[in-house]
Amino acid sequence: MQEKITIIVDYINSVKTRCTYNAAAEALGITPQALKKQLGEARPEISWFVSPTSGEPMRYADNEKHAELYRTKRIITSASVLKRNLDL
């Protein structure tokens, strides 16, 4: 499981696009809560995972957010995008 999570983290960091916890969790076949636990402590490279309602990383201080977090308004909200682009 951790390998697939790393693939998604690397992907969203390379495309510099936010992704909802729900979309990533569904692509992995786990709950959003399980994904949050697997990701661990807040840090810039995982701040791309955001709430579907606010589009913001949950409980992140400004210094824990990636510097380019808001470079685009686009947010990946569908697991099918991740599955298609990453062959999950």
Protein backbone atom coordinates (compact mmCIF):
# COMPACT_ATOMS: atom_id res chain seq x y z
CA MET A 1 0.00 0.00 0.00
CA GLN A 2 2.76 2.45 0.92
CA GLU A 3 4.27 2.04 -2.56
CA LYS A 4 0.99 3.12 -4.20
CA ILE A 5 0.69 6.07 -1.81
CA THR A 6 4.22 7.13 -2.75
CA ILE A 7 3.29 6.91 -6.44
CA ILE A 8 0.33 9.26 -5.88
CA VAL A 9 2.37 11.68 -3.73
CA ASP A 10 5.12 11.78 -6.36
CA TYR A 11 2.55 12.34 -9.12
CA ILE A 12 0.70 15.23 -7.49
CA ASN A 13 4.02 16.85 -6.62
CA SER A 14 5.22 16.52 -10.22
CA VAL A 15 2.02 17.98 -11.70
CA LYS A 16 1.73 20.50 -8.82
CA THR A 17 -2.01 19.99 -8.55
CA ARG A 18 -4.14 19.61 -5.46
CA CYS A 19 -6.04 16.35 -5.00
CA THR A 20 -8.88 15.57 -2.61
CA TYR A 21 -8.32 12.98 0.07
CA ASN A 22 -11.47 11.26 -1.19
CA ALA A 23 -10.16 10.85 -4.75
CA ALA A 24 -6.80 9.49 -3.63
CA ALA A 25 -8.33 7.16 -1.05
CA GLU A 26 -10.84 5.78 -3.55
CA ALA A 27 -8.06 5.16 -6.09
CA LEU A 28 -6.21 3.21 -3.40
CA GLY A 29 -9.27 1.36 -2.15
CA ILE A 30 -9.01 2.72 1.40
CA THR A 31 -10.87 5.30 3.48
CA PRO A 32 -9.80 8.95 3.55
CA GLN A 33 -9.03 8.53 7.26
CA ALA A 34 -6.72 5.57 6.53
CA LEU A 35 -4.94 7.65 3.87
CA LYS A 36 -4.41 10.53 6.31
CA LYS A 37 -2.93 8.11 8.83
CA GLN A 38 -0.61 6.59 6.21
CA LEU A 39 0.60 10.03 5.09
CA GLY A 40 1.73 10.94 8.59
CA GLU A 41 2.81 14.37 9.78
CA ALA A 42 1.97 17.58 7.91
CA ARG A 43 4.67 18.57 5.44
CA PRO A 44 4.78 20.49 2.14
CA GLU A 45 4.95 17.45 -0.18
CA ILE A 46 1.65 16.10 1.15
CA SER A 47 -0.12 19.44 1.52
CA TRP A 48 -1.46 18.81 -2.00
CA PHE A 49 -4.11 16.55 -0.40
CA VAL A 50 -7.06 18.77 0.37
CA SER A 51 -10.61 18.82 1.66
CA PRO A 52 -13.22 18.48 -1.09
CA THR A 53 -15.28 21.31 0.37
CA SER A 54 -12.61 23.95 1.03
CA GLY A 55 -9.85 22.95 -1.40
CA GLU A 56 -7.43 23.48 1.50
CA PRO A 57 -5.10 21.06 3.27
CA MET A 58 -6.61 20.21 6.62
CA ARG A 59 -4.91 21.56 9.77
CA TYR A 60 -1.79 22.87 8.03
CA ALA A 61 0.11 25.95 9.13
CA ASP A 62 1.19 28.23 6.29
CA ASN A 63 4.83 27.10 6.66
CA GLU A 64 3.73 23.45 6.19
CA LYS A 65 2.06 24.15 2.83
CA HIS A 66 3.87 23.70 -0.48
CA ALA A 67 5.04 27.03 -1.90
CA GLU A 68 3.18 26.38 -5.18
CA LEU A 69 -0.03 25.02 -3.66
CA TYR A 70 -2.20 27.71 -5.25
CA ARG A 71 -0.50 27.96 -8.64
CA THR A 72 -3.67 26.56 -10.25
CA LYS A 73 -7.33 26.41 -9.27
CA ARG A 74 -7.53 22.86 -10.63
CA ILE A 75 -8.15 20.11 -8.07
CA ILE A 76 -8.23 16.39 -8.85
CA THR A 77 -11.59 15.24 -7.46
CA SER A 78 -12.01 11.92 -9.24
CA ALA A 79 -10.28 8.64 -8.49
CA SER A 80 -10.58 7.75 -12.17
CA VAL A 81 -8.06 10.49 -13.06
CA LEU A 82 -5.47 8.97 -10.75
CA LYS A 83 -6.24 5.43 -11.84
CA ARG A 84 -5.95 6.38 -15.51
CA ASN A 85 -2.80 8.48 -15.18
CA LEU A 86 -1.01 6.14 -12.78
CA ASP A 87 -2.30 2.74 -13.90
CA LEU A 88 -3.51 1.90 -10.38
